[in-house]
Each structure stands twice: as structure tokens, then as C-alpha cells.
Amino acid sequence: MKRLGIVVSHPIQYYSPLFVHLAKTIDLIVFYCHNPTDKEIGKFGFALPFRWDIDLISGYPSVFLKNVSSRPDLNAFTGCDTPDIGKVLKEHKITHLLILGWYLKSYLQALFHGRKLHL
């Protein structure tokens, strides 16, 4: 059985509907690198804390990876550090991997482990 793993920084309002749609036709799991607080969500671009008024993680399977960064941040390379990603990809029997970014340490960790696991 084929299973797609999607790695993305955090729940994003314009990705969630896509993930819901894809989950109806393919076997997938979305792996989030960070679960930001209201303050972190509003930090860049909005200048005030807030939470989206829609559910961003229902309708498709998802997992929040353990972010071990001492300074979690969605806009800094070291702000998302998820060293367990290889183990998690293996546990969830991922056969294909889509990484939706390039600027976080977690994305490089996903790429490294994806190649190691021949995904």
C-alpha cells in the first residue's frame, strides 16, 4: 500500500482544504513541525495574537512532530528542529514524501531521512 507523507511547518489555512480533499482519494498523513501559539501565529504579518476561526486539522490524518528547538519560530531555520522525523516516517509506513518548504531545519531533516528510507 502506498502512503504519502506531507511535511509542513504548521497548520496553514489555505493548505487544510487541500489536505481534506486529498485524504478522500489517497492515503496520506500530514506531519506538522510546530504547533504555534496564538502569539506566534500573529507575530509575522498580523502584529497581534489570534487563532484562525476554522478548524485546520480535521478531515485528514495529521501528526505534530516533537519540536526540540530552544527557540521555536516559524521564520528561523533553527525554529523547527524535529530529529525524530525519520522514526516517525518509518512508524507510519510512509512510502512517498512531499516536503512543502525549504527554509527550516525540519525540512532538511525530512529530506535526509526520506532519502535514507528511499522515499
N, C-alpha and C. Protein backbone atom coordinates (compact mmCIF):
# COMPACT_ATOMS: atom_id res chain seq x y z
N MET A 1 0.84 -1.18 0.00
CA MET A 1 0.00 0.00 0.00
C MET A 1 0.89 1.24 0.00
N LYS A 2 0.51 2.22 -0.80
CA LYS A 2 1.26 3.47 -0.86
C LYS A 2 0.66 4.47 0.11
N ARG A 3 1.53 5.19 0.80
CA ARG A 3 1.09 6.21 1.75
C ARG A 3 1.97 7.45 1.61
N LEU A 4 1.32 8.58 1.37
CA LEU A 4 2.02 9.85 1.20
C LEU A 4 2.16 10.55 2.54
N GLY A 5 3.38 10.96 2.84
CA GLY A 5 3.64 11.81 4.00
C GLY A 5 3.90 13.22 3.51
N ILE A 6 3.22 14.19 4.09
CA ILE A 6 3.41 15.60 3.73
C ILE A 6 3.99 16.31 4.95
N VAL A 7 5.12 16.97 4.76
CA VAL A 7 5.77 17.70 5.85
C VAL A 7 5.55 19.19 5.62
N VAL A 8 4.98 19.85 6.62
CA VAL A 8 4.71 21.29 6.53
C VAL A 8 4.99 21.91 7.90
N SER A 9 5.35 23.18 7.90
CA SER A 9 5.77 23.84 9.13
C SER A 9 4.71 23.82 10.22
N HIS A 10 3.46 24.17 9.89
CA HIS A 10 2.39 24.31 10.88
C HIS A 10 1.05 24.30 10.14
N PRO A 11 -0.06 24.17 10.84
CA PRO A 11 -1.35 24.23 10.15
C PRO A 11 -1.54 25.59 9.47
N ILE A 12 -1.82 25.55 8.19
CA ILE A 12 -1.96 26.78 7.39
C ILE A 12 -3.34 26.77 6.75
N GLN A 13 -4.04 27.90 6.86
CA GLN A 13 -5.44 27.99 6.46
C GLN A 13 -5.69 27.65 5.00
N TYR A 14 -4.76 27.88 4.12
CA TYR A 14 -5.02 27.58 2.71
C TYR A 14 -4.55 26.18 2.31
N TYR A 15 -3.82 25.47 3.14
CA TYR A 15 -3.46 24.08 2.85
C TYR A 15 -4.53 23.10 3.34
N SER A 16 -5.17 23.41 4.45
CA SER A 16 -6.10 22.47 5.07
C SER A 16 -7.18 21.96 4.11
N PRO A 17 -7.85 22.81 3.34
CA PRO A 17 -8.86 22.29 2.41
C PRO A 17 -8.26 21.33 1.37
N LEU A 18 -7.04 21.60 0.94
CA LEU A 18 -6.36 20.70 0.01
C LEU A 18 -6.12 19.34 0.65
N PHE A 19 -5.65 19.34 1.89
CA PHE A 19 -5.39 18.08 2.58
C PHE A 19 -6.68 17.28 2.77
N VAL A 20 -7.77 17.96 3.11
CA VAL A 20 -9.07 17.29 3.26
C VAL A 20 -9.46 16.64 1.94
N HIS A 21 -9.32 17.36 0.85
CA HIS A 21 -9.67 16.83 -0.47
C HIS A 21 -8.79 15.63 -0.83
N LEU A 22 -7.49 15.77 -0.64
CA LEU A 22 -6.58 14.67 -0.97
C LEU A 22 -6.87 13.42 -0.14
N ALA A 23 -7.21 13.62 1.13
CA ALA A 23 -7.45 12.48 2.03
C ALA A 23 -8.65 11.65 1.58
N LYS A 24 -9.52 12.22 0.77
CA LYS A 24 -10.67 11.48 0.26
C LYS A 24 -10.28 10.51 -0.86
N THR A 25 -9.12 10.74 -1.47
CA THR A 25 -8.74 9.92 -2.62
C THR A 25 -7.43 9.16 -2.45
N ILE A 26 -6.57 9.60 -1.54
CA ILE A 26 -5.31 8.89 -1.33
C ILE A 26 -5.04 8.71 0.16
N ASP A 27 -4.18 7.77 0.47
CA ASP A 27 -3.77 7.51 1.85
C ASP A 27 -2.63 8.48 2.18
N LEU A 28 -2.89 9.40 3.10
CA LEU A 28 -1.87 10.38 3.44
C LEU A 28 -1.88 10.69 4.93
N ILE A 29 -0.76 11.24 5.37
CA ILE A 29 -0.63 11.78 6.73
C ILE A 29 0.17 13.07 6.61
N VAL A 30 -0.30 14.12 7.25
CA VAL A 30 0.40 15.39 7.26
C VAL A 30 1.19 15.49 8.57
N PHE A 31 2.47 15.78 8.44
CA PHE A 31 3.35 15.93 9.59
C PHE A 31 3.65 17.41 9.79
N TYR A 32 3.23 17.94 10.93
CA TYR A 32 3.46 19.34 11.25
C TYR A 32 4.71 19.46 12.12
N CYS A 33 5.55 20.41 11.79
CA CYS A 33 6.81 20.61 12.51
C CYS A 33 6.64 21.42 13.79
N HIS A 34 5.55 22.19 13.87
CA HIS A 34 5.36 23.04 15.04
C HIS A 34 3.88 23.35 15.21
N ASN A 35 3.45 23.44 16.45
CA ASN A 35 2.08 23.84 16.78
C ASN A 35 2.16 25.21 17.44
N PRO A 36 2.05 26.28 16.63
CA PRO A 36 2.29 27.62 17.16
C PRO A 36 1.20 28.10 18.11
N THR A 37 1.61 28.93 19.04
CA THR A 37 0.67 29.59 19.94
C THR A 37 -0.03 30.72 19.18
N ASP A 38 -1.07 31.28 19.78
CA ASP A 38 -1.76 32.42 19.17
C ASP A 38 -0.78 33.57 18.93
N LYS A 39 0.11 33.78 19.87
CA LYS A 39 1.10 34.87 19.74
C LYS A 39 2.03 34.61 18.56
N GLU A 40 2.47 33.36 18.41
CA GLU A 40 3.38 33.02 17.30
C GLU A 40 2.67 33.16 15.95
N ILE A 41 1.41 32.78 15.88
CA ILE A 41 0.67 32.89 14.62
C ILE A 41 0.58 34.35 14.19
N GLY A 42 0.31 35.24 15.12
CA GLY A 42 0.15 36.65 14.80
C GLY A 42 1.43 37.44 14.69
N LYS A 43 2.54 36.85 15.10
CA LYS A 43 3.81 37.58 15.16
C LYS A 43 4.22 38.21 13.83
N PHE A 44 4.13 37.46 12.75
CA PHE A 44 4.58 37.96 11.46
C PHE A 44 3.39 38.24 10.56
N GLY A 45 3.29 39.47 10.13
CA GLY A 45 2.26 39.84 9.17
C GLY A 45 0.97 40.34 9.76
N PHE A 46 0.67 40.01 11.02
CA PHE A 46 -0.59 40.41 11.61
C PHE A 46 -0.41 41.35 12.80
N ALA A 47 0.72 41.25 13.47
CA ALA A 47 1.10 42.13 14.58
C ALA A 47 0.23 42.01 15.82
N LEU A 48 -0.62 40.98 15.90
CA LEU A 48 -1.38 40.73 17.12
C LEU A 48 -1.73 39.26 17.21
N PRO A 49 -1.81 38.75 18.43
CA PRO A 49 -2.11 37.32 18.60
C PRO A 49 -3.52 36.99 18.11
N PHE A 50 -3.68 35.84 17.50
CA PHE A 50 -5.01 35.39 17.10
C PHE A 50 -4.98 33.90 16.79
N ARG A 51 -6.13 33.32 16.65
CA ARG A 51 -6.30 31.92 16.26
C ARG A 51 -7.30 31.91 15.12
N TRP A 52 -7.05 31.12 14.08
CA TRP A 52 -7.99 31.03 12.97
C TRP A 52 -9.34 30.56 13.47
N ASP A 53 -10.42 31.06 12.89
CA ASP A 53 -11.77 30.70 13.33
C ASP A 53 -12.32 29.48 12.60
N ILE A 54 -11.45 28.75 11.91
CA ILE A 54 -11.84 27.49 11.28
C ILE A 54 -10.91 26.40 11.77
N ASP A 55 -11.40 25.17 11.75
CA ASP A 55 -10.60 24.03 12.18
C ASP A 55 -9.63 23.67 11.06
N LEU A 56 -8.35 23.72 11.34
CA LEU A 56 -7.34 23.48 10.32
C LEU A 56 -6.80 22.06 10.29
N ILE A 57 -7.20 21.22 11.25
CA ILE A 57 -6.60 19.89 11.30
C ILE A 57 -7.62 18.75 11.29
N SER A 58 -8.88 19.03 11.01
CA SER A 58 -9.88 17.96 10.91
C SER A 58 -10.08 17.57 9.45
N GLY A 59 -10.47 16.32 9.25
CA GLY A 59 -10.80 15.85 7.91
C GLY A 59 -9.66 15.14 7.21
N TYR A 60 -8.53 15.03 7.87
CA TYR A 60 -7.38 14.31 7.31
C TYR A 60 -6.46 13.92 8.48
N PRO A 61 -5.70 12.84 8.33
CA PRO A 61 -4.80 12.44 9.41
C PRO A 61 -3.59 13.37 9.50
N SER A 62 -3.24 13.72 10.72
CA SER A 62 -2.08 14.58 10.92
C SER A 62 -1.39 14.24 12.23
N VAL A 63 -0.11 14.60 12.29
CA VAL A 63 0.71 14.36 13.47
C VAL A 63 1.55 15.60 13.71
N PHE A 64 1.60 16.06 14.95
CA PHE A 64 2.52 17.12 15.31
C PHE A 64 3.82 16.47 15.76
N LEU A 65 4.89 16.76 15.06
CA LEU A 65 6.21 16.24 15.42
C LEU A 65 6.70 16.96 16.66
N LYS A 66 7.59 16.33 17.40
CA LYS A 66 8.18 16.96 18.57
C LYS A 66 9.24 17.96 18.11
N ASN A 67 8.98 19.24 18.38
CA ASN A 67 9.90 20.31 18.02
C ASN A 67 10.80 20.57 19.23
N VAL A 68 12.09 20.24 19.09
CA VAL A 68 13.02 20.38 20.21
C VAL A 68 13.78 21.71 20.19
N SER A 69 13.42 22.60 19.30
CA SER A 69 14.10 23.88 19.22
C SER A 69 14.00 24.64 20.55
N SER A 70 15.10 25.22 20.98
CA SER A 70 15.08 26.01 22.22
C SER A 70 14.36 27.35 21.99
N ARG A 71 14.22 27.75 20.75
CA ARG A 71 13.50 28.98 20.38
C ARG A 71 12.58 28.69 19.19
N PRO A 72 11.44 28.07 19.46
CA PRO A 72 10.52 27.76 18.35
C PRO A 72 10.15 29.02 17.57
N ASP A 73 10.24 28.90 16.25
CA ASP A 73 9.97 30.05 15.39
C ASP A 73 9.70 29.53 13.99
N LEU A 74 8.65 30.02 13.37
CA LEU A 74 8.29 29.57 12.03
C LEU A 74 9.08 30.29 10.94
N ASN A 75 9.86 31.29 11.30
CA ASN A 75 10.59 32.07 10.32
C ASN A 75 12.10 32.01 10.48
N ALA A 76 12.58 31.12 11.33
CA ALA A 76 14.02 30.97 11.53
C ALA A 76 14.42 29.53 11.25
N PHE A 77 15.54 29.33 10.61
CA PHE A 77 16.00 28.00 10.24
C PHE A 77 15.94 27.02 11.41
N THR A 78 16.46 27.44 12.56
CA THR A 78 16.51 26.54 13.72
C THR A 78 15.22 26.56 14.56
N GLY A 79 14.21 27.27 14.12
CA GLY A 79 12.96 27.36 14.87
C GLY A 79 12.12 26.10 14.85
N CYS A 80 12.37 25.24 13.89
CA CYS A 80 11.71 23.93 13.83
C CYS A 80 12.79 22.88 13.69
N ASP A 81 12.97 22.11 14.74
CA ASP A 81 14.00 21.07 14.81
C ASP A 81 13.32 19.79 15.27
N THR A 82 13.15 18.85 14.36
CA THR A 82 12.38 17.64 14.63
C THR A 82 13.22 16.39 14.32
N PRO A 83 14.20 16.09 15.18
CA PRO A 83 15.12 15.00 14.89
C PRO A 83 14.47 13.61 14.85
N ASP A 84 13.29 13.45 15.41
CA ASP A 84 12.62 12.14 15.40
C ASP A 84 11.86 11.87 14.11
N ILE A 85 11.95 12.75 13.13
CA ILE A 85 11.13 12.61 11.94
C ILE A 85 11.38 11.29 11.19
N GLY A 86 12.60 10.83 11.15
CA GLY A 86 12.90 9.56 10.47
C GLY A 86 12.16 8.41 11.12
N LYS A 87 12.19 8.35 12.43
CA LYS A 87 11.50 7.30 13.18
C LYS A 87 9.99 7.38 12.94
N VAL A 88 9.45 8.59 12.92
CA VAL A 88 8.01 8.79 12.74
C VAL A 88 7.58 8.39 11.33
N LEU A 89 8.37 8.74 10.32
CA LEU A 89 8.05 8.34 8.94
C LEU A 89 8.01 6.83 8.82
N LYS A 90 8.97 6.17 9.46
CA LYS A 90 9.04 4.71 9.43
C LYS A 90 7.85 4.09 10.17
N GLU A 91 7.53 4.62 11.34
CA GLU A 91 6.39 4.11 12.13
C GLU A 91 5.08 4.20 11.37
N HIS A 92 4.91 5.26 10.58
CA HIS A 92 3.66 5.48 9.85
C HIS A 92 3.69 4.85 8.45
N LYS A 93 4.74 4.10 8.17
CA LYS A 93 4.87 3.36 6.91
C LYS A 93 4.69 4.26 5.68
N ILE A 94 5.37 5.39 5.70
CA ILE A 94 5.32 6.33 4.58
C ILE A 94 6.11 5.75 3.41
N THR A 95 5.51 5.79 2.22
CA THR A 95 6.18 5.30 1.01
C THR A 95 6.59 6.43 0.08
N HIS A 96 5.94 7.59 0.21
CA HIS A 96 6.25 8.75 -0.61
C HIS A 96 6.23 9.99 0.29
N LEU A 97 7.07 10.97 -0.04
CA LEU A 97 7.21 12.13 0.83
C LEU A 97 7.15 13.42 0.03
N LEU A 98 6.33 14.36 0.51
CA LEU A 98 6.22 15.69 -0.08
C LEU A 98 6.58 16.69 1.02
N ILE A 99 7.59 17.50 0.77
CA ILE A 99 8.06 18.49 1.74
C ILE A 99 7.66 19.87 1.20
N LEU A 100 6.81 20.58 1.95
CA LEU A 100 6.26 21.84 1.47
C LEU A 100 7.05 23.04 1.98
N GLY A 101 8.32 23.03 1.75
CA GLY A 101 9.15 24.15 2.15
C GLY A 101 10.62 23.80 2.02
N TRP A 102 11.46 24.77 2.34
CA TRP A 102 12.90 24.59 2.20
C TRP A 102 13.71 25.32 3.27
N TYR A 103 13.08 26.19 4.04
CA TYR A 103 13.83 27.13 4.88
C TYR A 103 13.97 26.72 6.34
N LEU A 104 13.41 25.60 6.74
CA LEU A 104 13.50 25.17 8.13
C LEU A 104 14.40 23.94 8.27
N LYS A 105 15.05 23.83 9.40
CA LYS A 105 15.88 22.66 9.69
C LYS A 105 15.05 21.38 9.56
N SER A 106 13.79 21.42 9.98
CA SER A 106 12.93 20.25 9.88
C SER A 106 12.77 19.76 8.45
N TYR A 107 12.73 20.68 7.51
CA TYR A 107 12.60 20.27 6.11
C TYR A 107 13.83 19.52 5.63
N LEU A 108 15.01 19.97 6.05
CA LEU A 108 16.23 19.25 5.69
C LEU A 108 16.29 17.90 6.41
N GLN A 109 15.81 17.85 7.65
CA GLN A 109 15.76 16.58 8.37
C GLN A 109 14.83 15.61 7.64
N ALA A 110 13.70 16.11 7.16
CA ALA A 110 12.76 15.26 6.41
C ALA A 110 13.40 14.77 5.13
N LEU A 111 14.10 15.66 4.42
CA LEU A 111 14.77 15.28 3.19
C LEU A 111 15.84 14.21 3.45
N PHE A 112 16.64 14.42 4.47
CA PHE A 112 17.70 13.46 4.80
C PHE A 112 17.12 12.09 5.11
N HIS A 113 16.11 12.06 5.98
CA HIS A 113 15.53 10.77 6.38
C HIS A 113 14.71 10.15 5.25
N GLY A 114 14.06 11.00 4.45
CA GLY A 114 13.33 10.48 3.30
C GLY A 114 14.27 9.77 2.33
N ARG A 115 15.42 10.37 2.07
CA ARG A 115 16.40 9.72 1.19
C ARG A 115 16.95 8.45 1.82
N LYS A 116 17.21 8.50 3.12
CA LYS A 116 17.73 7.33 3.83
C LYS A 116 16.75 6.16 3.78
N LEU A 117 15.44 6.49 3.82
CA LEU A 117 14.40 5.47 3.78
C LEU A 117 13.94 5.15 2.35
N HIS A 118 14.59 5.76 1.37
CA HIS A 118 14.28 5.57 -0.05
C HIS A 118 12.86 5.97 -0.40
N LEU A 119 12.42 7.11 0.13
CA LEU A 119 11.07 7.59 -0.16
C LEU A 119 11.07 8.49 -1.37
